[in-house]
Protein backbone atom coordinates (compact mmCIF):
# COMPACT_ATOMS: atom_id res chain seq x y z
CA MET A 1 0.00 0.00 0.00
CA ARG A 2 1.36 3.41 -0.92
CA LYS A 3 0.39 6.54 0.99
CA SER A 4 1.25 10.11 0.20
CA CYS A 5 2.64 12.36 2.86
CA LYS A 6 3.57 16.04 2.73
CA SER A 7 7.06 15.38 1.54
CA GLY A 8 7.06 12.05 -0.22
CA SER A 9 5.38 8.75 -0.71
CA VAL A 10 5.49 6.01 1.90
CA GLY A 11 4.54 2.39 1.35
CA GLU A 12 4.34 -0.85 3.25
CA ALA A 13 4.76 -4.37 1.93
CA ALA A 14 5.71 -7.59 3.69
CA GLY A 15 6.99 -5.77 6.77
CA ASP A 16 8.96 -3.18 4.83
CA ARG A 17 8.21 0.44 5.51
CA ARG A 18 9.67 2.21 2.53
CA LEU A 19 10.15 5.67 1.14
CA TYR A 20 9.74 6.53 -2.54
CA PRO A 21 11.91 9.68 -2.48
CA THR A 22 11.39 11.05 -6.00
CA SER A 23 9.07 13.77 -4.71
CA LEU A 24 11.82 14.92 -2.33
CA SER A 25 13.96 16.19 -5.20
CA ALA A 26 14.75 19.46 -3.40
CA LEU A 27 16.59 17.51 -0.69
CA SER A 28 20.06 16.02 -0.95
CA VAL A 29 20.35 12.26 -0.84
CA GLU A 30 21.75 12.54 2.69
CA ARG A 31 18.80 14.62 3.94
CA THR A 32 16.35 12.32 2.15
CA LEU A 33 17.83 9.28 3.89
CA ASP A 34 17.75 11.13 7.21
CA PHE A 35 14.07 11.88 6.57
CA ALA A 36 13.36 8.18 5.98
CA THR A 37 15.05 7.38 9.29
CA GLU A 38 13.10 10.10 11.10
CA LEU A 39 9.86 8.53 9.82
CA GLY A 40 10.94 5.14 11.16
CA LEU A 41 11.19 3.59 7.70
CA ASN A 42 13.59 0.78 6.89
CA THR A 43 13.85 0.74 3.09
CA VAL A 44 14.18 3.18 0.21
CA GLU A 45 13.04 2.62 -3.37
CA PHE A 46 14.93 4.95 -5.70
CA GLY A 47 13.33 6.11 -8.93
CA LEU A 48 15.83 5.93 -11.78
CA GLY A 49 13.98 7.31 -14.76
CA GLY A 50 10.74 7.43 -16.66
CA TRP A 51 8.38 9.65 -14.68
CA SER A 52 11.09 10.05 -12.03
CA SER A 53 13.81 12.61 -12.62
CA ALA A 54 16.13 10.40 -10.53
CA PRO A 55 17.00 13.29 -8.23
CA HIS A 56 19.02 11.29 -5.72
CA VAL A 57 21.13 9.02 -7.88
CA ASN A 58 23.23 9.40 -10.98
CA THR A 59 22.45 6.18 -12.82
CA ALA A 60 25.43 6.38 -15.18
CA GLU A 61 27.74 6.88 -12.22
CA LEU A 62 26.22 3.97 -10.28
CA ILE A 63 26.56 1.68 -13.29
CA GLY A 64 30.11 2.68 -14.12
CA ASP A 65 31.71 3.42 -10.76
CA PRO A 66 31.90 0.78 -8.01
CA ALA A 67 32.99 3.50 -5.54
CA ALA A 68 29.74 5.40 -6.19
CA ARG A 69 27.74 2.26 -5.43
CA ASP A 70 29.77 1.73 -2.27
CA ARG A 71 29.14 5.34 -1.17
CA LEU A 72 25.39 4.96 -1.59
CA GLN A 73 25.40 1.62 0.23
CA GLY A 74 27.42 3.23 3.02
CA GLN A 75 24.96 6.09 3.32
CA LEU A 76 22.12 3.59 3.64
CA ARG A 77 24.01 1.39 6.09
CA GLU A 78 24.87 4.36 8.35
CA ARG A 79 21.14 4.92 8.80
CA ASN A 80 20.16 1.25 9.08
CA LEU A 81 18.30 1.51 5.79
CA GLU A 82 18.21 -0.89 2.87
CA ARG A 83 17.66 -0.24 -0.82
CA ASN A 84 14.43 -2.07 -1.55
CA ALA A 85 14.45 -1.51 -5.28
CA ALA A 86 15.46 0.80 -8.04
CA THR A 87 12.60 1.47 -10.43
CA THR A 88 11.87 3.16 -13.70
CA SER A 89 8.52 3.73 -15.33
CA SER A 90 7.17 5.43 -18.39
């Protein structure tokens, strides 16, 4: 189930409480992840294209640079968050 909140979209599935952060494009990835933690969420589903402008990830960088992937994973790990999915839609 997906619910809208003032600053993003929150969903629940199989015990995951996740943030869909595309609508938080004005925030940095760090602040977005902090926001997810403040809400008590445990997963993040990044939009990577289609209707999402992919505001929090550079897809080319993540594909081509293992260090960029490690940085993002580290940012998630520091906040006890997991990447639930990376999605694109048209």
